[in-house]
Amino acid sequence: MSLLSCRAVTSRMAGSAANTRASRVAEHERSIPTPISSHALLAGRRERTIIHNGECYLLRITSKGKLILTK
């Protein structure tokens, strides 16, 4: 079940015992890191700027196909 459909279900079941379990399931789904491919992240580019906590980082692919993250 996707997170959005789980939220829709839990909003309809407010106050029930199942709501408590569904909330725990939704929280668990949010805590699991979701993999993303480097191709999807870079979107066909060789490098991408990432802003984290107000700092800029550069994620790039080297000539040997490795990923490098620099500040």
C-alpha atoms as a PDB file:
ATOM      1  CA  MET A   1       0.000   0.000   0.000  1.00  0.00           C
ATOM      2  CA  SER A   2       1.414   3.393  -0.891  1.00  0.00           C
ATOM      3  CA  LEU A   3       1.859   6.081   1.726  1.00  0.00           C
ATOM      4  CA  LEU A   4      -0.797   8.290   0.116  1.00  0.00           C
ATOM      5  CA  SER A   5      -3.398   5.537   0.030  1.00  0.00           C
ATOM      6  CA  CYS A   6      -2.492   4.588   3.611  1.00  0.00           C
ATOM      7  CA  ARG A   7      -3.066   8.207   4.717  1.00  0.00           C
ATOM      8  CA  ALA A   8      -6.402   8.285   2.916  1.00  0.00           C
ATOM      9  CA  VAL A   9      -7.469   5.102   4.661  1.00  0.00           C
ATOM     10  CA  THR A  10      -6.356   6.342   8.077  1.00  0.00           C
ATOM     11  CA  SER A  11      -8.233   9.619   7.707  1.00  0.00           C
ATOM     12  CA  ARG A  12     -11.469   7.684   7.064  1.00  0.00           C
ATOM     13  CA  MET A  13     -10.883   5.415  10.043  1.00  0.00           C
ATOM     14  CA  ALA A  14     -10.220   8.127  12.650  1.00  0.00           C
ATOM     15  CA  GLY A  15     -10.872   6.956  16.178  1.00  0.00           C
ATOM     16  CA  SER A  16     -10.782   3.217  15.440  1.00  0.00           C
ATOM     17  CA  ALA A  17      -8.252   0.660  16.644  1.00  0.00           C
ATOM     18  CA  ALA A  18      -7.206   0.056  13.042  1.00  0.00           C
ATOM     19  CA  ASN A  19      -6.285   3.738  12.812  1.00  0.00           C
ATOM     20  CA  THR A  20      -3.579   3.235  15.427  1.00  0.00           C
ATOM     21  CA  ARG A  21      -2.060   0.303  13.525  1.00  0.00           C
ATOM     22  CA  ALA A  22      -2.309   2.106  10.165  1.00  0.00           C
ATOM     23  CA  SER A  23      -0.556   5.122  11.681  1.00  0.00           C
ATOM     24  CA  ARG A  24       2.282   2.900  12.879  1.00  0.00           C
ATOM     25  CA  VAL A  25       2.549   1.313   9.424  1.00  0.00           C
ATOM     26  CA  ALA A  26       2.630   4.740   7.742  1.00  0.00           C
ATOM     27  CA  GLU A  27       5.309   5.957  10.176  1.00  0.00           C
ATOM     28  CA  HIS A  28       7.357   2.821   9.500  1.00  0.00           C
ATOM     29  CA  GLU A  29       7.077   3.351   5.715  1.00  0.00           C
ATOM     30  CA  ARG A  30       8.363   6.934   6.103  1.00  0.00           C
ATOM     31  CA  SER A  31      11.353   5.739   8.165  1.00  0.00           C
ATOM     32  CA  ILE A  32      12.623   3.297   5.496  1.00  0.00           C
ATOM     33  CA  PRO A  33      15.131   4.931   3.131  1.00  0.00           C
ATOM     34  CA  THR A  34      13.928   4.795  -0.466  1.00  0.00           C
ATOM     35  CA  PRO A  35      16.681   3.945  -2.979  1.00  0.00           C
ATOM     36  CA  ILE A  36      17.119   6.253  -5.952  1.00  0.00           C
ATOM     37  CA  SER A  37      19.388   5.515  -8.881  1.00  0.00           C
ATOM     38  CA  SER A  38      22.209   7.915  -9.654  1.00  0.00           C
ATOM     39  CA  HIS A  39      20.802   8.212 -13.178  1.00  0.00           C
ATOM     40  CA  ALA A  40      17.471   9.437 -11.802  1.00  0.00           C
ATOM     41  CA  LEU A  41      19.185  11.811  -9.378  1.00  0.00           C
ATOM     42  CA  LEU A  42      21.508  13.303 -11.980  1.00  0.00           C
ATOM     43  CA  ALA A  43      18.841  13.283 -14.739  1.00  0.00           C
ATOM     44  CA  GLY A  44      21.300  12.731 -17.583  1.00  0.00           C
ATOM     45  CA  ARG A  45      23.841  15.268 -16.341  1.00  0.00           C
ATOM     46  CA  ARG A  46      27.435  14.616 -15.261  1.00  0.00           C
ATOM     47  CA  GLU A  47      27.010  16.759 -12.124  1.00  0.00           C
ATOM     48  CA  ARG A  48      24.283  18.127  -9.888  1.00  0.00           C
ATOM     49  CA  THR A  49      24.259  20.790  -7.166  1.00  0.00           C
ATOM     50  CA  ILE A  50      22.667  19.699  -3.894  1.00  0.00           C
ATOM     51  CA  ILE A  51      21.720  22.151  -1.143  1.00  0.00           C
ATOM     52  CA  HIS A  52      21.758  20.668   2.361  1.00  0.00           C
ATOM     53  CA  ASN A  53      21.284  22.768   5.510  1.00  0.00           C
ATOM     54  CA  GLY A  54      22.035  25.921   3.531  1.00  0.00           C
ATOM     55  CA  GLU A  55      25.327  24.571   2.156  1.00  0.00           C
ATOM     56  CA  CYS A  56      25.949  23.776  -1.520  1.00  0.00           C
ATOM     57  CA  TYR A  57      27.492  20.459  -2.525  1.00  0.00           C
ATOM     58  CA  LEU A  58      28.432  19.161  -5.963  1.00  0.00           C
ATOM     59  CA  LEU A  59      27.634  15.551  -6.852  1.00  0.00           C
ATOM     60  CA  ARG A  60      29.454  14.449  -9.997  1.00  0.00           C
ATOM     61  CA  ILE A  61      30.394  11.381 -11.977  1.00  0.00           C
ATOM     62  CA  THR A  62      34.118  10.935 -12.595  1.00  0.00           C
ATOM     63  CA  SER A  63      35.617   9.792 -15.893  1.00  0.00           C
ATOM     64  CA  LYS A  64      35.837   6.289 -14.360  1.00  0.00           C
ATOM     65  CA  GLY A  65      32.130   6.271 -13.448  1.00  0.00           C
ATOM     66  CA  LYS A  66      32.522   6.865  -9.705  1.00  0.00           C
ATOM     67  CA  LEU A  67      30.379   9.314  -7.715  1.00  0.00           C
ATOM     68  CA  ILE A  68      32.096  12.178  -5.902  1.00  0.00           C
ATOM     69  CA  LEU A  69      30.371  14.577  -3.475  1.00  0.00           C
ATOM     70  CA  THR A  70      32.305  17.757  -2.702  1.00  0.00           C
ATOM     71  CA  LYS A  71      31.515  20.879  -0.744  1.00  0.00           C
END
